[in-house]
Structure formats: structure tokens, C-alpha cells
Amino acid sequence: MKVLIGDNKQINTVMKKVIFALLVAFATTSAFAEKTDSKADSKSEAIVLSLSGNVIDEVSGEALVGVEVKVDGSDQKAYTDFDGHFVIDNVKSGDCKLVASYTSYNKNEKTFKMNAKNNQVKIELQASK
């Protein structure tokens, strides 16, 4: 059985083209990966913090249990515990609007600028009439 193989010059030329094509593909993939990473880094510049606080009755000052506290414009929310305390993790720093709602109480919206020094809030709810 005879195997037909071209001369060495043809094989060398084909091998060079294959290697060149692989290098170009690798370089293109690497360049694209770097651009993707830099975009991700620029978007993640906002600091992410834990937001905590207490919800109390405006008149009596008693802690309210089971109040829903939600970051407006997101799905992030928490419910107060037996001490009226809540914690919401992974909240971006900057302008923040919280909405607190509870049965038999008026909804309360509180807007503030959240940062590492200002990440605790006290919310007072007024009983509905």
C-alpha cells in the first residue's frame, strides 16, 4: 500500500498556516477576555454593604415584629425580628430609598445616602387611623 504525501515544502507551508491560524485565534480570544474583564471591573466600582436598622412604633417606641423593609427598585428586602431589627445584605452604596410596610400602619419611605459610615437606619411607623 502506498501512501501519497506531498513534498516537505508543502507540509511545512501547511503546518505554518495552521500554527499561524491557531496563534491568531488565541490572540483574539485573549484580547476579548481582557476587554470583558475590564468592563466587569468598571461596573463593580460601587461598594456593597450590609444595611441594618430598627423599626419602631412612632408613638409608643415599641419594636415592631414582622415589618417588611424593602430597598426600593430592587428585590432586596428583609423582615424585622422580635426586637424590630432587620439586616439587608449586598446593598450598593449611594442613594438608597427604603420602604417599610406593616399591617395597620402607614407605609413609610425613607431616603438617605448610604456609605460605610451611614449604613444603619431607624424607621418609625405611624398607626393608620
C-alpha atoms as a PDB file:
ATOM      1  CA  MET A   1       0.000   0.000   0.000  1.00  0.00           C
ATOM      2  CA  LYS A   2       1.396   3.341  -0.982  1.00  0.00           C
ATOM      3  CA  VAL A   3       0.633   6.495   0.964  1.00  0.00           C
ATOM      4  CA  LEU A   4       0.754   9.668  -1.032  1.00  0.00           C
ATOM      5  CA  ILE A   5       2.346  12.523   0.822  1.00  0.00           C
ATOM      6  CA  GLY A   6       3.314  15.823  -0.721  1.00  0.00           C
ATOM      7  CA  ASP A   7       6.825  17.020  -0.565  1.00  0.00           C
ATOM      8  CA  ASN A   8       8.279  18.536   2.583  1.00  0.00           C
ATOM      9  CA  LYS A   9       7.822  22.112   1.335  1.00  0.00           C
ATOM     10  CA  GLN A  10       4.043  21.642   1.047  1.00  0.00           C
ATOM     11  CA  ILE A  11       3.842  20.075   4.505  1.00  0.00           C
ATOM     12  CA  ASN A  12       5.905  22.895   6.015  1.00  0.00           C
ATOM     13  CA  THR A  13       3.726  25.520   4.340  1.00  0.00           C
ATOM     14  CA  VAL A  14       0.517  23.877   5.586  1.00  0.00           C
ATOM     15  CA  MET A  15       1.906  23.494   9.116  1.00  0.00           C
ATOM     16  CA  LYS A  16       2.973  27.142   9.197  1.00  0.00           C
ATOM     17  CA  LYS A  17      -0.520  28.231   8.116  1.00  0.00           C
ATOM     18  CA  VAL A  18      -2.179  26.047  10.762  1.00  0.00           C
ATOM     19  CA  ILE A  19       0.115  27.331  13.511  1.00  0.00           C
ATOM     20  CA  PHE A  20      -0.420  30.930  12.391  1.00  0.00           C
ATOM     21  CA  ALA A  21      -4.215  30.457  12.403  1.00  0.00           C
ATOM     22  CA  LEU A  22      -4.079  28.994  15.919  1.00  0.00           C
ATOM     23  CA  LEU A  23      -1.955  31.889  17.175  1.00  0.00           C
ATOM     24  CA  VAL A  24      -4.355  34.443  15.680  1.00  0.00           C
ATOM     25  CA  ALA A  25      -7.340  32.655  17.249  1.00  0.00           C
ATOM     26  CA  PHE A  26      -5.613  32.531  20.646  1.00  0.00           C
ATOM     27  CA  ALA A  27      -4.595  36.203  20.491  1.00  0.00           C
ATOM     28  CA  THR A  28      -8.123  37.258  19.542  1.00  0.00           C
ATOM     29  CA  THR A  29      -9.646  35.219  22.360  1.00  0.00           C
ATOM     30  CA  SER A  30      -7.182  36.658  24.886  1.00  0.00           C
ATOM     31  CA  ALA A  31      -7.866  40.228  23.788  1.00  0.00           C
ATOM     32  CA  PHE A  32     -11.624  39.686  24.055  1.00  0.00           C
ATOM     33  CA  ALA A  33     -11.291  38.167  27.533  1.00  0.00           C
ATOM     34  CA  GLU A  34      -9.310  41.187  28.758  1.00  0.00           C
ATOM     35  CA  LYS A  35     -11.941  43.611  27.463  1.00  0.00           C
ATOM     36  CA  THR A  36     -14.705  41.645  29.170  1.00  0.00           C
ATOM     37  CA  ASP A  37     -12.826  41.664  32.493  1.00  0.00           C
ATOM     38  CA  SER A  38     -12.185  45.419  32.358  1.00  0.00           C
ATOM     39  CA  LYS A  39     -15.878  46.094  31.760  1.00  0.00           C
ATOM     40  CA  ALA A  40     -16.797  43.939  34.737  1.00  0.00           C
ATOM     41  CA  ASP A  41     -14.298  45.805  36.931  1.00  0.00           C
ATOM     42  CA  SER A  42     -15.656  49.225  35.968  1.00  0.00           C
ATOM     43  CA  LYS A  43     -19.214  48.168  36.786  1.00  0.00           C
ATOM     44  CA  SER A  44     -18.255  46.800  40.199  1.00  0.00           C
ATOM     45  CA  GLU A  45     -16.823  50.088  41.488  1.00  0.00           C
ATOM     46  CA  ALA A  46     -19.815  50.650  43.782  1.00  0.00           C
ATOM     47  CA  ILE A  47     -19.187  49.439  47.302  1.00  0.00           C
ATOM     48  CA  VAL A  48     -21.579  46.775  48.541  1.00  0.00           C
ATOM     49  CA  LEU A  49     -22.588  46.963  52.194  1.00  0.00           C
ATOM     50  CA  SER A  50     -24.947  45.458  54.737  1.00  0.00           C
ATOM     51  CA  LEU A  51     -27.773  47.752  55.738  1.00  0.00           C
ATOM     52  CA  SER A  52     -29.308  47.324  59.176  1.00  0.00           C
ATOM     53  CA  GLY A  53     -31.751  49.095  61.388  1.00  0.00           C
ATOM     54  CA  ASN A  54     -34.755  49.028  63.676  1.00  0.00           C
ATOM     55  CA  VAL A  55     -38.441  49.677  63.133  1.00  0.00           C
ATOM     56  CA  ILE A  56     -40.499  51.060  65.991  1.00  0.00           C
ATOM     57  CA  ASP A  57     -43.970  52.405  66.649  1.00  0.00           C
ATOM     58  CA  GLU A  58     -43.877  56.197  66.353  1.00  0.00           C
ATOM     59  CA  VAL A  59     -45.994  56.807  69.471  1.00  0.00           C
ATOM     60  CA  SER A  60     -45.050  54.048  71.910  1.00  0.00           C
ATOM     61  CA  GLY A  61     -41.468  53.467  70.741  1.00  0.00           C
ATOM     62  CA  GLU A  62     -42.048  49.713  70.898  1.00  0.00           C
ATOM     63  CA  ALA A  63     -40.275  47.423  68.426  1.00  0.00           C
ATOM     64  CA  LEU A  64     -42.477  46.142  65.603  1.00  0.00           C
ATOM     65  CA  VAL A  65     -42.151  42.472  64.661  1.00  0.00           C
ATOM     66  CA  GLY A  66     -42.550  41.270  61.046  1.00  0.00           C
ATOM     67  CA  VAL A  67     -42.305  44.629  59.273  1.00  0.00           C
ATOM     68  CA  GLU A  68     -41.267  44.308  55.621  1.00  0.00           C
ATOM     69  CA  VAL A  69     -38.339  46.616  54.829  1.00  0.00           C
ATOM     70  CA  LYS A  70     -37.559  46.782  51.117  1.00  0.00           C
ATOM     71  CA  VAL A  71     -34.896  48.572  49.067  1.00  0.00           C
ATOM     72  CA  ASP A  72     -36.992  50.469  46.528  1.00  0.00           C
ATOM     73  CA  GLY A  73     -36.334  49.480  42.927  1.00  0.00           C
ATOM     74  CA  SER A  74     -34.922  46.061  43.786  1.00  0.00           C
ATOM     75  CA  ASP A  75     -35.938  42.657  45.100  1.00  0.00           C
ATOM     76  CA  GLN A  76     -33.885  43.118  48.262  1.00  0.00           C
ATOM     77  CA  LYS A  77     -35.939  43.006  51.435  1.00  0.00           C
ATOM     78  CA  ALA A  78     -35.965  41.775  55.000  1.00  0.00           C
ATOM     79  CA  TYR A  79     -38.429  41.354  57.842  1.00  0.00           C
ATOM     80  CA  THR A  80     -37.884  42.640  61.350  1.00  0.00           C
ATOM     81  CA  ASP A  81     -37.194  40.159  64.147  1.00  0.00           C
ATOM     82  CA  PHE A  82     -38.644  40.172  67.692  1.00  0.00           C
ATOM     83  CA  ASP A  83     -36.532  43.209  68.581  1.00  0.00           C
ATOM     84  CA  GLY A  84     -37.644  45.168  65.487  1.00  0.00           C
ATOM     85  CA  HIS A  85     -34.178  44.678  63.965  1.00  0.00           C
ATOM     86  CA  PHE A  86     -33.515  43.922  60.278  1.00  0.00           C
ATOM     87  CA  VAL A  87     -30.459  43.365  58.052  1.00  0.00           C
ATOM     88  CA  ILE A  88     -30.306  43.573  54.252  1.00  0.00           C
ATOM     89  CA  ASP A  89     -27.039  42.337  52.727  1.00  0.00           C
ATOM     90  CA  ASN A  90     -25.414  43.322  49.413  1.00  0.00           C
ATOM     91  CA  VAL A  91     -26.850  46.827  49.133  1.00  0.00           C
ATOM     92  CA  LYS A  92     -24.902  49.189  46.857  1.00  0.00           C
ATOM     93  CA  SER A  93     -23.600  52.361  48.428  1.00  0.00           C
ATOM     94  CA  GLY A  94     -25.036  55.696  47.335  1.00  0.00           C
ATOM     95  CA  ASP A  95     -28.600  56.962  47.299  1.00  0.00           C
ATOM     96  CA  CYS A  96     -30.921  54.480  48.961  1.00  0.00           C
ATOM     97  CA  LYS A  97     -34.689  54.505  49.402  1.00  0.00           C
ATOM     98  CA  LEU A  98     -36.246  52.128  51.914  1.00  0.00           C
ATOM     99  CA  VAL A  99     -39.937  51.311  52.059  1.00  0.00           C
ATOM    100  CA  ALA A 100     -41.294  49.897  55.320  1.00  0.00           C
ATOM    101  CA  SER A 101     -44.785  48.431  55.351  1.00  0.00           C
ATOM    102  CA  TYR A 102     -46.788  46.697  58.056  1.00  0.00           C
ATOM    103  CA  THR A 103     -50.407  45.758  58.610  1.00  0.00           C
ATOM    104  CA  SER A 104     -52.405  48.512  60.374  1.00  0.00           C
ATOM    105  CA  TYR A 105     -49.580  51.038  59.861  1.00  0.00           C
ATOM    106  CA  ASN A 106     -48.966  53.690  57.231  1.00  0.00           C
ATOM    107  CA  LYS A 107     -46.217  52.877  54.765  1.00  0.00           C
ATOM    108  CA  ASN A 108     -43.023  54.826  55.436  1.00  0.00           C
ATOM    109  CA  GLU A 109     -40.434  55.721  52.781  1.00  0.00           C
ATOM    110  CA  LYS A 110     -37.011  56.820  53.945  1.00  0.00           C
ATOM    111  CA  THR A 111     -34.346  58.152  51.565  1.00  0.00           C
ATOM    112  CA  PHE A 112     -30.734  58.602  52.581  1.00  0.00           C
ATOM    113  CA  LYS A 113     -27.174  58.381  51.265  1.00  0.00           C
ATOM    114  CA  MET A 114     -25.669  55.050  52.288  1.00  0.00           C
ATOM    115  CA  ASN A 115     -21.942  54.560  52.817  1.00  0.00           C
ATOM    116  CA  ALA A 116     -19.633  52.689  55.181  1.00  0.00           C
ATOM    117  CA  LYS A 117     -20.285  55.223  57.962  1.00  0.00           C
ATOM    118  CA  ASN A 118     -24.015  55.584  57.320  1.00  0.00           C
ATOM    119  CA  ASN A 119     -25.441  52.075  56.948  1.00  0.00           C
ATOM    120  CA  GLN A 120     -27.832  51.949  59.915  1.00  0.00           C
ATOM    121  CA  VAL A 121     -31.311  53.408  59.921  1.00  0.00           C
ATOM    122  CA  LYS A 122     -34.158  53.900  62.380  1.00  0.00           C
ATOM    123  CA  ILE A 123     -37.656  53.783  60.941  1.00  0.00           C
ATOM    124  CA  GLU A 124     -40.740  54.937  62.819  1.00  0.00           C
ATOM    125  CA  LEU A 125     -44.152  53.783  61.640  1.00  0.00           C
ATOM    126  CA  GLN A 126     -47.386  55.574  62.395  1.00  0.00           C
ATOM    127  CA  ALA A 127     -50.517  53.545  63.098  1.00  0.00           C
ATOM    128  CA  SER A 128     -53.204  54.036  60.461  1.00  0.00           C
ATOM    129  CA  LYS A 129     -56.493  55.535  61.628  1.00  0.00           C
END
